Amino acid sequence: MTAIEDLSYSQALEELESIVASLRGNNCDVDTLAARTARAAALLEACRTRLTLTETQLAEILEKLES
């Protein structure tokens, strides 16, 4: 399993979507449920952090263009 910090945003989102799909489809083994849920939570946090960072960077760029 790749460390979350080594994944691109797209890779993290893809893995998160895969985990959610398996949980919704009842394809998740009870023995791995907690670990998969924890991984999904960490991936979600990483995606949110990257989106917030990107939003801040874009705001700074646009502000510079307006000055």
C-alpha atoms as a PDB file:
ATOM      1  CA  MET A   1       0.000   0.000   0.000  1.00  0.00           C
ATOM      2  CA  THR A   2       1.434   3.341  -1.059  1.00  0.00           C
ATOM      3  CA  ALA A   3       1.927   6.000   1.588  1.00  0.00           C
ATOM      4  CA  ILE A   4      -0.752   8.667   1.237  1.00  0.00           C
ATOM      5  CA  GLU A   5       1.785  11.484   0.996  1.00  0.00           C
ATOM      6  CA  ASP A   6       3.277   9.747  -2.056  1.00  0.00           C
ATOM      7  CA  LEU A   7      -0.044   9.676  -3.936  1.00  0.00           C
ATOM      8  CA  SER A   8      -1.188  12.360  -6.319  1.00  0.00           C
ATOM      9  CA  TYR A   9      -4.582  13.911  -5.649  1.00  0.00           C
ATOM     10  CA  SER A  10      -6.071  11.834  -8.464  1.00  0.00           C
ATOM     11  CA  GLN A  11      -4.586   8.615  -7.129  1.00  0.00           C
ATOM     12  CA  ALA A  12      -5.815   9.335  -3.605  1.00  0.00           C
ATOM     13  CA  LEU A  13      -9.303  10.136  -4.874  1.00  0.00           C
ATOM     14  CA  GLU A  14      -9.375   6.987  -6.997  1.00  0.00           C
ATOM     15  CA  GLU A  15      -8.368   4.821  -4.048  1.00  0.00           C
ATOM     16  CA  LEU A  16     -10.933   6.539  -1.826  1.00  0.00           C
ATOM     17  CA  GLU A  17     -13.677   5.935  -4.389  1.00  0.00           C
ATOM     18  CA  SER A  18     -12.647   2.288  -4.632  1.00  0.00           C
ATOM     19  CA  ILE A  19     -12.857   1.818  -0.870  1.00  0.00           C
ATOM     20  CA  VAL A  20     -16.242   3.518  -0.690  1.00  0.00           C
ATOM     21  CA  ALA A  21     -17.559   1.379  -3.550  1.00  0.00           C
ATOM     22  CA  SER A  22     -16.416  -1.813  -1.856  1.00  0.00           C
ATOM     23  CA  LEU A  23     -18.023  -0.748   1.427  1.00  0.00           C
ATOM     24  CA  ARG A  24     -21.298   0.116  -0.288  1.00  0.00           C
ATOM     25  CA  GLY A  25     -21.303  -3.119  -2.235  1.00  0.00           C
ATOM     26  CA  ASN A  26     -20.759  -5.232   0.855  1.00  0.00           C
ATOM     27  CA  ASN A  27     -17.515  -6.494  -0.686  1.00  0.00           C
ATOM     28  CA  CYS A  28     -15.448  -5.698   2.374  1.00  0.00           C
ATOM     29  CA  ASP A  29     -14.273  -8.433   4.666  1.00  0.00           C
ATOM     30  CA  VAL A  30     -15.116  -7.775   8.315  1.00  0.00           C
ATOM     31  CA  ASP A  31     -11.494  -8.483   9.201  1.00  0.00           C
ATOM     32  CA  THR A  32     -10.323  -5.509   7.124  1.00  0.00           C
ATOM     33  CA  LEU A  33     -13.271  -3.161   7.671  1.00  0.00           C
ATOM     34  CA  ALA A  34     -11.638  -1.016  10.350  1.00  0.00           C
ATOM     35  CA  ALA A  35      -8.356  -0.719   8.446  1.00  0.00           C
ATOM     36  CA  ARG A  36     -10.116   0.195   5.187  1.00  0.00           C
ATOM     37  CA  THR A  37     -12.285   2.753   6.965  1.00  0.00           C
ATOM     38  CA  ALA A  38      -9.205   4.309   8.589  1.00  0.00           C
ATOM     39  CA  ARG A  39      -7.437   4.417   5.223  1.00  0.00           C
ATOM     40  CA  ALA A  40     -10.490   6.052   3.642  1.00  0.00           C
ATOM     41  CA  ALA A  41     -10.589   8.675   6.389  1.00  0.00           C
ATOM     42  CA  ALA A  42      -6.892   9.446   5.908  1.00  0.00           C
ATOM     43  CA  LEU A  43      -7.326   9.677   2.130  1.00  0.00           C
ATOM     44  CA  LEU A  44     -10.294  12.011   2.567  1.00  0.00           C
ATOM     45  CA  GLU A  45      -8.297  14.251   4.876  1.00  0.00           C
ATOM     46  CA  ALA A  46      -5.389  14.333   2.423  1.00  0.00           C
ATOM     47  CA  CYS A  47      -7.695  15.239  -0.476  1.00  0.00           C
ATOM     48  CA  ARG A  48      -9.340  18.020   1.522  1.00  0.00           C
ATOM     49  CA  THR A  49      -5.942  19.389   2.535  1.00  0.00           C
ATOM     50  CA  ARG A  50      -4.741  19.440  -1.074  1.00  0.00           C
ATOM     51  CA  LEU A  51      -7.930  21.140  -2.239  1.00  0.00           C
ATOM     52  CA  THR A  52      -7.585  23.808   0.444  1.00  0.00           C
ATOM     53  CA  LEU A  53      -3.936  24.376  -0.457  1.00  0.00           C
ATOM     54  CA  THR A  54      -4.789  24.650  -4.141  1.00  0.00           C
ATOM     55  CA  GLU A  55      -7.610  27.091  -3.393  1.00  0.00           C
ATOM     56  CA  THR A  56      -5.211  29.268  -1.393  1.00  0.00           C
ATOM     57  CA  GLN A  57      -2.591  29.166  -4.149  1.00  0.00           C
ATOM     58  CA  LEU A  58      -5.146  30.100  -6.799  1.00  0.00           C
ATOM     59  CA  ALA A  59      -6.431  32.985  -4.695  1.00  0.00           C
ATOM     60  CA  GLU A  60      -2.863  34.281  -4.320  1.00  0.00           C
ATOM     61  CA  ILE A  61      -2.229  34.002  -8.054  1.00  0.00           C
ATOM     62  CA  LEU A  62      -5.456  35.788  -8.923  1.00  0.00           C
ATOM     63  CA  GLU A  63      -4.725  38.492  -6.375  1.00  0.00           C
ATOM     64  CA  LYS A  64      -1.329  39.110  -7.990  1.00  0.00           C
ATOM     65  CA  LEU A  65      -2.949  39.330 -11.409  1.00  0.00           C
ATOM     66  CA  GLU A  66      -5.423  41.925 -10.162  1.00  0.00           C
ATOM     67  CA  SER A  67      -2.719  44.198  -8.712  1.00  0.00           C
END
